[in-house]
N, C-alpha and C. Protein backbone atom coordinates (compact mmCIF):
# COMPACT_ATOMS: atom_id res chain seq x y z
N MET A 1 39.78 6.00 -64.80
CA MET A 1 38.27 5.88 -65.03
C MET A 1 37.70 7.11 -64.10
N ASP A 2 36.62 7.93 -64.58
CA ASP A 2 36.11 8.98 -63.98
C ASP A 2 35.35 8.39 -62.70
N GLU A 3 35.38 9.34 -61.65
CA GLU A 3 34.72 9.00 -60.34
C GLU A 3 33.21 8.78 -60.65
N TRP A 4 32.47 9.61 -61.54
CA TRP A 4 31.14 9.65 -61.73
C TRP A 4 30.72 8.26 -62.29
N ILE A 5 31.62 7.49 -63.00
CA ILE A 5 31.28 6.14 -63.72
C ILE A 5 31.33 5.27 -62.54
N ILE A 6 32.11 5.38 -61.71
CA ILE A 6 32.28 4.37 -60.39
C ILE A 6 31.05 4.56 -59.64
N TRP A 7 30.46 5.79 -59.51
CA TRP A 7 29.31 6.01 -58.74
C TRP A 7 28.17 5.38 -59.23
N VAL A 8 28.11 5.42 -60.60
CA VAL A 8 26.94 5.11 -61.41
C VAL A 8 26.88 3.50 -61.37
N ILE A 9 28.17 2.73 -61.26
CA ILE A 9 28.33 1.47 -61.19
C ILE A 9 27.69 0.76 -60.00
N LEU A 10 28.25 1.59 -58.83
CA LEU A 10 27.79 1.52 -57.61
C LEU A 10 26.20 1.39 -57.63
N ALA A 11 25.68 2.66 -57.90
CA ALA A 11 24.34 2.49 -57.85
C ALA A 11 23.56 1.40 -58.55
N VAL A 12 24.01 1.02 -59.72
CA VAL A 12 23.46 -0.18 -60.33
C VAL A 12 23.46 -1.50 -59.63
N VAL A 13 24.63 -1.56 -58.87
CA VAL A 13 24.86 -2.79 -58.06
C VAL A 13 23.94 -2.72 -56.99
N LEU A 14 23.69 -1.56 -56.26
CA LEU A 14 23.04 -1.48 -55.24
C LEU A 14 21.37 -1.65 -55.56
N GLY A 15 20.97 -1.13 -56.60
CA GLY A 15 19.75 -1.37 -57.38
C GLY A 15 19.46 -2.85 -57.61
N VAL A 16 20.30 -3.54 -58.15
CA VAL A 16 20.02 -4.85 -58.37
C VAL A 16 19.90 -5.66 -56.93
N ALA A 17 20.88 -5.42 -56.06
CA ALA A 17 20.74 -5.85 -54.88
C ALA A 17 19.45 -5.77 -54.00
N GLU A 18 18.79 -4.43 -54.17
CA GLU A 18 17.58 -4.16 -53.83
C GLU A 18 16.43 -4.92 -54.23
N ILE A 19 16.71 -5.28 -55.64
CA ILE A 19 15.49 -6.18 -56.22
C ILE A 19 15.51 -7.48 -55.47
N PHE A 20 16.55 -8.13 -55.11
CA PHE A 20 16.65 -9.40 -54.28
C PHE A 20 16.32 -9.19 -52.94
N THR A 21 16.58 -8.18 -52.30
CA THR A 21 16.43 -8.07 -50.93
C THR A 21 14.99 -7.49 -50.51
N LEU A 22 14.52 -6.48 -51.32
CA LEU A 22 13.24 -5.80 -51.07
C LEU A 22 13.14 -5.02 -49.53
N THR A 23 14.18 -4.40 -49.33
CA THR A 23 14.14 -3.81 -47.95
C THR A 23 14.14 -2.36 -48.02
N ALA A 24 14.22 -1.70 -49.13
CA ALA A 24 14.13 -0.45 -49.40
C ALA A 24 15.47 0.38 -49.01
N SER A 25 16.35 -0.26 -48.22
CA SER A 25 17.60 0.38 -47.76
C SER A 25 18.55 0.46 -49.00
N LEU A 26 18.84 -0.58 -49.61
CA LEU A 26 19.88 -0.66 -50.71
C LEU A 26 19.22 0.29 -51.90
N GLY A 27 18.15 0.41 -52.26
CA GLY A 27 17.58 1.21 -53.14
C GLY A 27 17.86 2.79 -52.79
N LEU A 28 17.68 2.97 -51.60
CA LEU A 28 17.81 4.47 -51.18
C LEU A 28 19.38 4.66 -51.25
N LEU A 29 20.28 3.63 -51.03
CA LEU A 29 21.76 3.94 -51.01
C LEU A 29 22.00 4.04 -52.66
N GLY A 30 21.45 3.37 -53.41
CA GLY A 30 21.64 3.48 -54.88
C GLY A 30 21.29 4.77 -55.32
N VAL A 31 20.31 5.28 -54.79
CA VAL A 31 19.72 6.79 -55.41
C VAL A 31 20.78 7.78 -54.80
N ALA A 32 21.33 7.59 -53.42
CA ALA A 32 22.34 8.38 -53.00
C ALA A 32 23.71 8.33 -53.81
N ALA A 33 24.05 7.07 -54.34
CA ALA A 33 25.14 6.95 -55.26
C ALA A 33 24.84 7.66 -56.60
N LEU A 34 23.45 7.68 -57.14
CA LEU A 34 23.37 8.43 -58.42
C LEU A 34 23.70 9.90 -58.14
N LEU A 35 22.96 10.36 -56.86
CA LEU A 35 23.24 11.90 -56.76
C LEU A 35 24.63 12.07 -56.54
N THR A 36 25.33 11.08 -55.96
CA THR A 36 26.85 11.41 -55.83
C THR A 36 27.55 11.44 -57.31
N ALA A 37 27.02 10.56 -58.19
CA ALA A 37 27.51 10.54 -59.53
C ALA A 37 27.31 11.78 -60.11
N ALA A 38 26.25 12.50 -60.00
CA ALA A 38 25.97 13.77 -60.51
C ALA A 38 27.03 14.78 -59.99
N ALA A 39 27.14 14.81 -58.67
CA ALA A 39 28.08 15.63 -58.06
C ALA A 39 29.61 15.64 -58.65
N ALA A 40 29.89 14.20 -58.81
CA ALA A 40 31.17 13.93 -59.49
C ALA A 40 31.04 14.50 -60.93
N GLY A 41 30.12 14.54 -61.77
CA GLY A 41 29.97 14.78 -62.91
C GLY A 41 30.31 16.26 -63.06
N ILE A 42 30.00 17.04 -62.19
CA ILE A 42 30.01 18.55 -62.03
C ILE A 42 31.41 18.94 -61.65
N GLY A 43 32.11 18.00 -61.31
CA GLY A 43 33.50 18.23 -60.84
C GLY A 43 33.99 18.34 -59.35
N LEU A 44 33.07 17.94 -58.46
CA LEU A 44 33.26 18.12 -57.02
C LEU A 44 34.43 17.08 -56.64
N PRO A 45 35.52 17.50 -55.80
CA PRO A 45 36.35 16.54 -55.32
C PRO A 45 35.77 15.35 -54.51
N VAL A 46 36.63 14.32 -54.45
CA VAL A 46 36.24 13.07 -53.77
C VAL A 46 35.79 13.28 -52.31
N PRO A 47 36.56 14.06 -51.52
CA PRO A 47 35.86 14.22 -50.03
C PRO A 47 34.54 14.88 -50.09
N LEU A 48 34.18 15.69 -51.07
CA LEU A 48 32.95 16.36 -51.10
C LEU A 48 31.90 15.35 -51.58
N GLN A 49 32.46 14.45 -52.48
CA GLN A 49 31.53 13.49 -53.00
C GLN A 49 31.11 12.56 -51.99
N LEU A 50 32.17 12.15 -51.06
CA LEU A 50 31.75 11.34 -50.08
C LEU A 50 30.81 11.90 -49.17
N LEU A 51 30.82 13.24 -48.85
CA LEU A 51 30.06 13.94 -48.12
C LEU A 51 28.68 13.90 -48.59
N VAL A 52 28.65 14.07 -50.00
CA VAL A 52 27.16 14.18 -50.65
C VAL A 52 26.70 12.80 -50.45
N PHE A 53 27.33 11.80 -50.55
CA PHE A 53 26.90 10.37 -50.59
C PHE A 53 26.44 10.29 -49.09
N ALA A 54 26.98 10.47 -48.06
CA ALA A 54 26.74 10.28 -46.75
C ALA A 54 25.43 11.00 -46.37
N ALA A 55 25.41 12.36 -46.84
CA ALA A 55 24.21 13.31 -46.54
C ALA A 55 23.04 12.61 -47.12
N ALA A 56 23.17 12.21 -48.53
CA ALA A 56 22.08 11.62 -49.21
C ALA A 56 21.70 10.16 -48.66
N SER A 57 22.43 9.32 -48.38
CA SER A 57 22.09 8.23 -47.61
C SER A 57 21.33 8.23 -46.31
N ALA A 58 22.04 9.36 -45.52
CA ALA A 58 21.35 9.46 -44.27
C ALA A 58 19.90 10.02 -44.36
N ALA A 59 19.76 10.94 -45.25
CA ALA A 59 18.38 11.70 -45.47
C ALA A 59 17.63 10.57 -46.01
N GLY A 60 17.98 9.72 -46.95
CA GLY A 60 17.14 8.50 -47.26
C GLY A 60 16.66 7.44 -46.36
N LEU A 61 17.75 7.08 -45.55
CA LEU A 61 17.24 6.11 -44.51
C LEU A 61 16.63 6.59 -43.30
N ILE A 62 16.72 7.94 -42.92
CA ILE A 62 15.96 8.46 -41.61
C ILE A 62 14.84 9.11 -42.13
N VAL A 63 14.53 9.65 -43.31
CA VAL A 63 13.34 10.41 -43.56
C VAL A 63 12.50 9.68 -44.59
N ILE A 64 13.04 9.17 -45.73
CA ILE A 64 12.22 8.74 -46.57
C ILE A 64 11.79 7.31 -46.46
N ARG A 65 12.81 6.47 -45.83
CA ARG A 65 12.21 4.97 -45.55
C ARG A 65 11.28 4.78 -44.56
N PRO A 66 11.18 5.66 -43.37
CA PRO A 66 9.99 5.42 -42.48
C PRO A 66 8.87 5.98 -43.25
N LEU A 67 8.75 6.99 -43.96
CA LEU A 67 7.59 7.37 -44.68
C LEU A 67 7.23 6.60 -45.69
N ALA A 68 7.90 5.79 -46.30
CA ALA A 68 7.54 4.83 -47.21
C ALA A 68 6.87 3.56 -46.55
N PHE A 69 7.50 3.14 -45.37
CA PHE A 69 6.92 2.06 -44.65
C PHE A 69 5.71 2.36 -44.03
N ARG A 70 5.34 3.70 -43.60
CA ARG A 70 4.27 3.91 -42.91
C ARG A 70 3.01 3.94 -44.04
N HIS A 71 3.23 4.22 -45.25
CA HIS A 71 2.23 4.12 -46.18
C HIS A 71 2.04 2.51 -46.68
N VAL A 72 3.04 1.75 -46.56
CA VAL A 72 3.01 0.44 -46.90
C VAL A 72 2.16 -0.24 -45.90
N ARG A 73 2.47 0.01 -44.65
CA ARG A 73 1.89 -0.80 -43.59
C ARG A 73 0.61 -0.11 -42.87
N GLN A 74 -0.23 0.41 -43.85
CA GLN A 74 -1.56 0.97 -43.28
C GLN A 74 -2.59 -0.19 -43.00
N PRO A 75 -3.31 0.12 -41.82
CA PRO A 75 -4.31 -1.03 -41.76
C PRO A 75 -5.37 -1.17 -42.72
N GLN A 76 -5.96 -2.36 -42.73
CA GLN A 76 -6.86 -2.59 -43.68
C GLN A 76 -8.11 -1.78 -43.50
N LEU A 77 -8.60 -1.06 -44.57
CA LEU A 77 -9.58 -0.08 -44.46
C LEU A 77 -10.88 -0.67 -44.44
N GLN A 78 -11.10 -1.65 -45.31
CA GLN A 78 -12.32 -2.48 -45.43
C GLN A 78 -12.32 -3.80 -44.81
N ARG A 79 -13.27 -4.22 -44.24
CA ARG A 79 -13.63 -5.57 -43.58
C ARG A 79 -14.41 -6.36 -44.70
N PHE A 80 -13.84 -7.66 -44.86
CA PHE A 80 -14.60 -8.54 -45.89
C PHE A 80 -15.19 -9.65 -45.16
N GLY A 81 -16.04 -10.44 -45.88
CA GLY A 81 -16.70 -11.53 -45.33
C GLY A 81 -17.45 -11.48 -44.04
N VAL A 82 -17.34 -12.47 -43.30
CA VAL A 82 -17.98 -12.23 -41.89
C VAL A 82 -17.63 -11.28 -41.13
N ASP A 83 -16.55 -10.98 -41.08
CA ASP A 83 -15.95 -9.58 -40.46
C ASP A 83 -16.64 -8.29 -40.58
N ALA A 84 -17.26 -8.18 -41.80
CA ALA A 84 -17.97 -7.07 -42.19
C ALA A 84 -19.39 -7.09 -41.58
N LEU A 85 -19.86 -8.07 -41.05
CA LEU A 85 -21.04 -8.12 -40.39
C LEU A 85 -20.94 -7.67 -38.96
N VAL A 86 -19.90 -7.72 -38.50
CA VAL A 86 -19.78 -7.20 -36.91
C VAL A 86 -19.99 -5.65 -37.09
N GLY A 87 -21.00 -5.39 -36.02
CA GLY A 87 -21.36 -3.92 -35.77
C GLY A 87 -22.48 -3.54 -36.61
N LYS A 88 -23.10 -4.39 -37.58
CA LYS A 88 -24.16 -4.15 -38.32
C LYS A 88 -25.49 -4.38 -37.71
N PRO A 89 -26.66 -3.72 -37.98
CA PRO A 89 -27.85 -4.05 -37.33
C PRO A 89 -28.48 -5.23 -38.09
N ALA A 90 -29.35 -5.94 -37.35
CA ALA A 90 -30.07 -7.13 -37.86
C ALA A 90 -31.45 -7.21 -37.35
N TYR A 91 -32.47 -7.78 -38.23
CA TYR A 91 -33.64 -7.88 -37.83
C TYR A 91 -33.98 -9.33 -37.11
N VAL A 92 -34.54 -9.38 -35.99
CA VAL A 92 -34.93 -10.87 -35.24
C VAL A 92 -36.05 -11.39 -35.90
N THR A 93 -35.88 -12.63 -36.73
CA THR A 93 -37.07 -13.28 -37.39
C THR A 93 -37.44 -14.42 -36.50
N SER A 94 -36.62 -14.81 -35.65
CA SER A 94 -37.25 -15.93 -34.52
C SER A 94 -36.51 -15.48 -33.40
N GLU A 95 -37.44 -15.62 -32.07
CA GLU A 95 -36.75 -15.31 -30.67
C GLU A 95 -35.29 -15.81 -30.53
N VAL A 96 -34.66 -14.87 -30.09
CA VAL A 96 -33.12 -15.06 -29.92
C VAL A 96 -33.07 -15.14 -28.38
N THR A 97 -32.21 -16.35 -27.89
CA THR A 97 -32.05 -16.61 -26.58
C THR A 97 -30.51 -16.97 -26.47
N GLY A 98 -30.03 -17.27 -25.32
CA GLY A 98 -28.59 -17.66 -25.27
C GLY A 98 -28.32 -18.88 -25.86
N ARG A 99 -29.23 -19.78 -26.38
CA ARG A 99 -29.02 -20.87 -26.96
C ARG A 99 -29.15 -20.92 -28.46
N ASP A 100 -30.35 -20.19 -28.90
CA ASP A 100 -30.49 -20.34 -30.28
C ASP A 100 -31.33 -18.96 -30.60
N GLY A 101 -31.74 -19.04 -32.11
CA GLY A 101 -32.64 -18.00 -32.54
C GLY A 101 -32.06 -17.59 -34.11
N ARG A 102 -32.79 -16.83 -34.85
CA ARG A 102 -32.66 -16.59 -36.24
C ARG A 102 -32.56 -14.98 -36.50
N ILE A 103 -31.82 -14.45 -37.28
CA ILE A 103 -31.78 -13.14 -37.46
C ILE A 103 -31.68 -12.91 -39.13
N ARG A 104 -32.10 -11.71 -39.43
CA ARG A 104 -32.03 -11.42 -40.91
C ARG A 104 -30.98 -10.15 -41.09
N VAL A 105 -29.86 -10.38 -41.76
CA VAL A 105 -28.94 -9.17 -42.08
C VAL A 105 -28.54 -9.29 -43.45
N GLY A 106 -28.66 -8.00 -44.02
CA GLY A 106 -28.18 -7.91 -45.53
C GLY A 106 -29.09 -8.98 -46.38
N GLY A 107 -30.16 -9.09 -46.01
CA GLY A 107 -30.82 -10.25 -47.01
C GLY A 107 -30.65 -11.60 -46.77
N GLU A 108 -29.68 -11.90 -45.82
CA GLU A 108 -29.45 -13.31 -45.50
C GLU A 108 -30.17 -13.65 -44.08
N GLU A 109 -30.51 -14.91 -44.04
CA GLU A 109 -30.84 -15.25 -42.59
C GLU A 109 -29.80 -16.12 -41.92
N TRP A 110 -29.55 -15.60 -40.83
CA TRP A 110 -28.38 -16.14 -39.89
C TRP A 110 -28.71 -16.99 -38.56
N SER A 111 -28.09 -18.10 -38.09
CA SER A 111 -28.48 -18.54 -36.68
C SER A 111 -27.97 -17.44 -35.85
N ALA A 112 -28.43 -17.30 -34.58
CA ALA A 112 -28.01 -16.37 -33.82
C ALA A 112 -28.21 -16.73 -32.22
N ARG A 113 -27.34 -16.18 -31.38
CA ARG A 113 -27.46 -16.17 -30.06
C ARG A 113 -27.33 -14.97 -29.26
N ALA A 114 -27.88 -14.83 -28.21
CA ALA A 114 -27.72 -13.45 -27.42
C ALA A 114 -26.32 -13.53 -26.93
N TYR A 115 -25.70 -12.35 -26.98
CA TYR A 115 -24.31 -12.08 -26.30
C TYR A 115 -24.55 -12.31 -24.88
N ASP A 116 -25.48 -11.73 -24.36
CA ASP A 116 -25.75 -12.01 -22.74
C ASP A 116 -26.69 -13.11 -22.79
N GLU A 117 -26.25 -14.32 -22.24
CA GLU A 117 -27.07 -15.55 -22.24
C GLU A 117 -28.29 -15.57 -21.51
N THR A 118 -28.42 -14.39 -20.48
CA THR A 118 -29.68 -14.34 -19.96
C THR A 118 -30.78 -13.56 -20.70
N LEU A 119 -30.53 -12.98 -21.78
CA LEU A 119 -31.42 -12.18 -22.47
C LEU A 119 -32.24 -13.11 -23.45
N VAL A 120 -33.58 -12.55 -23.62
CA VAL A 120 -34.45 -13.18 -24.43
C VAL A 120 -34.84 -12.02 -25.52
N ILE A 121 -34.59 -11.98 -26.60
CA ILE A 121 -34.92 -10.94 -27.44
C ILE A 121 -36.13 -11.50 -28.52
N PRO A 122 -37.28 -10.73 -28.51
CA PRO A 122 -38.33 -11.13 -29.29
C PRO A 122 -38.20 -10.92 -30.78
N ALA A 123 -39.07 -11.72 -31.43
CA ALA A 123 -39.04 -11.58 -33.02
C ALA A 123 -39.55 -10.22 -33.41
N GLY A 124 -39.03 -9.60 -34.18
CA GLY A 124 -39.35 -8.25 -34.62
C GLY A 124 -38.41 -7.09 -33.97
N ALA A 125 -37.47 -7.57 -33.04
CA ALA A 125 -36.67 -6.53 -32.46
C ALA A 125 -35.40 -6.23 -33.48
N THR A 126 -34.73 -5.25 -33.27
CA THR A 126 -33.48 -4.91 -34.01
C THR A 126 -32.29 -5.07 -33.01
N VAL A 127 -31.32 -5.83 -33.56
CA VAL A 127 -30.26 -6.23 -32.65
C VAL A 127 -28.94 -5.60 -33.52
N ASP A 128 -27.83 -5.54 -32.70
CA ASP A 128 -26.42 -5.15 -33.34
C ASP A 128 -25.77 -6.73 -33.34
N ILE A 129 -24.86 -6.93 -34.25
CA ILE A 129 -24.22 -8.02 -34.17
C ILE A 129 -22.90 -7.70 -33.59
N ILE A 130 -22.55 -8.33 -32.43
CA ILE A 130 -21.23 -8.18 -31.62
C ILE A 130 -20.18 -8.97 -32.15
N GLU A 131 -20.28 -10.34 -32.65
CA GLU A 131 -19.26 -11.15 -32.75
C GLU A 131 -19.90 -12.32 -33.87
N ILE A 132 -19.06 -12.94 -34.57
CA ILE A 132 -19.42 -14.20 -35.41
C ILE A 132 -18.64 -15.24 -34.87
N GLU A 133 -19.31 -16.25 -34.40
CA GLU A 133 -18.75 -17.53 -34.12
C GLU A 133 -19.22 -18.60 -34.93
N GLY A 134 -18.29 -18.99 -35.87
CA GLY A 134 -18.65 -20.27 -37.05
C GLY A 134 -19.61 -19.49 -37.68
N ALA A 135 -20.57 -20.19 -37.72
CA ALA A 135 -21.98 -19.69 -38.50
C ALA A 135 -23.04 -18.95 -37.70
N THR A 136 -22.80 -18.67 -36.48
CA THR A 136 -23.67 -17.99 -35.50
C THR A 136 -23.25 -16.81 -35.30
N ALA A 137 -24.47 -15.66 -35.20
CA ALA A 137 -24.02 -14.38 -34.95
C ALA A 137 -24.53 -14.15 -33.25
N LEU A 138 -23.47 -13.54 -32.83
CA LEU A 138 -23.76 -13.14 -31.21
C LEU A 138 -24.31 -11.75 -31.31
N VAL A 139 -25.46 -11.40 -30.85
CA VAL A 139 -26.33 -10.26 -31.02
C VAL A 139 -26.45 -9.72 -29.65
N TYR A 140 -26.89 -8.29 -29.63
CA TYR A 140 -27.28 -7.59 -28.43
C TYR A 140 -28.43 -6.69 -28.84
N PRO A 141 -29.49 -6.47 -28.15
CA PRO A 141 -30.44 -5.73 -28.53
C PRO A 141 -30.21 -4.18 -28.55
N ARG A 142 -30.75 -3.50 -29.71
CA ARG A 142 -30.65 -2.13 -29.79
C ARG A 142 -31.41 -1.49 -28.64
N GLU A 143 -30.85 -0.28 -28.13
CA GLU A 143 -31.69 0.42 -27.10
C GLU A 143 -32.59 1.40 -27.75
């Protein structure tokens, strides 16, 4: 049997194994086996085929795999739900103290407390939402 057929079979086996593991390592080794099959197809001797396989495998695992994981593991760019409210400005509709109060943010009215419990924020003031605790916004007055 020709060497290139063996390399293609190895590439297929590694590709199928990658489907079940999802590690990106076996898939890169499968690509290296395909490149080696091409090298065997043009007539390189077996020692050079092994060198091509080793170089392609090393390049894939050392260079390409970390780049791929860096793109997969990017932080979430947008915040959703109540997390999206943190940092937004709000309008005080009812005096906010360390115990209670009301604010309007994004067309919705929320219960609120002052982040610093000693503060009293009058109605009509603009505040920043520092944190959300349950259904209550912890706010701090804008300067």
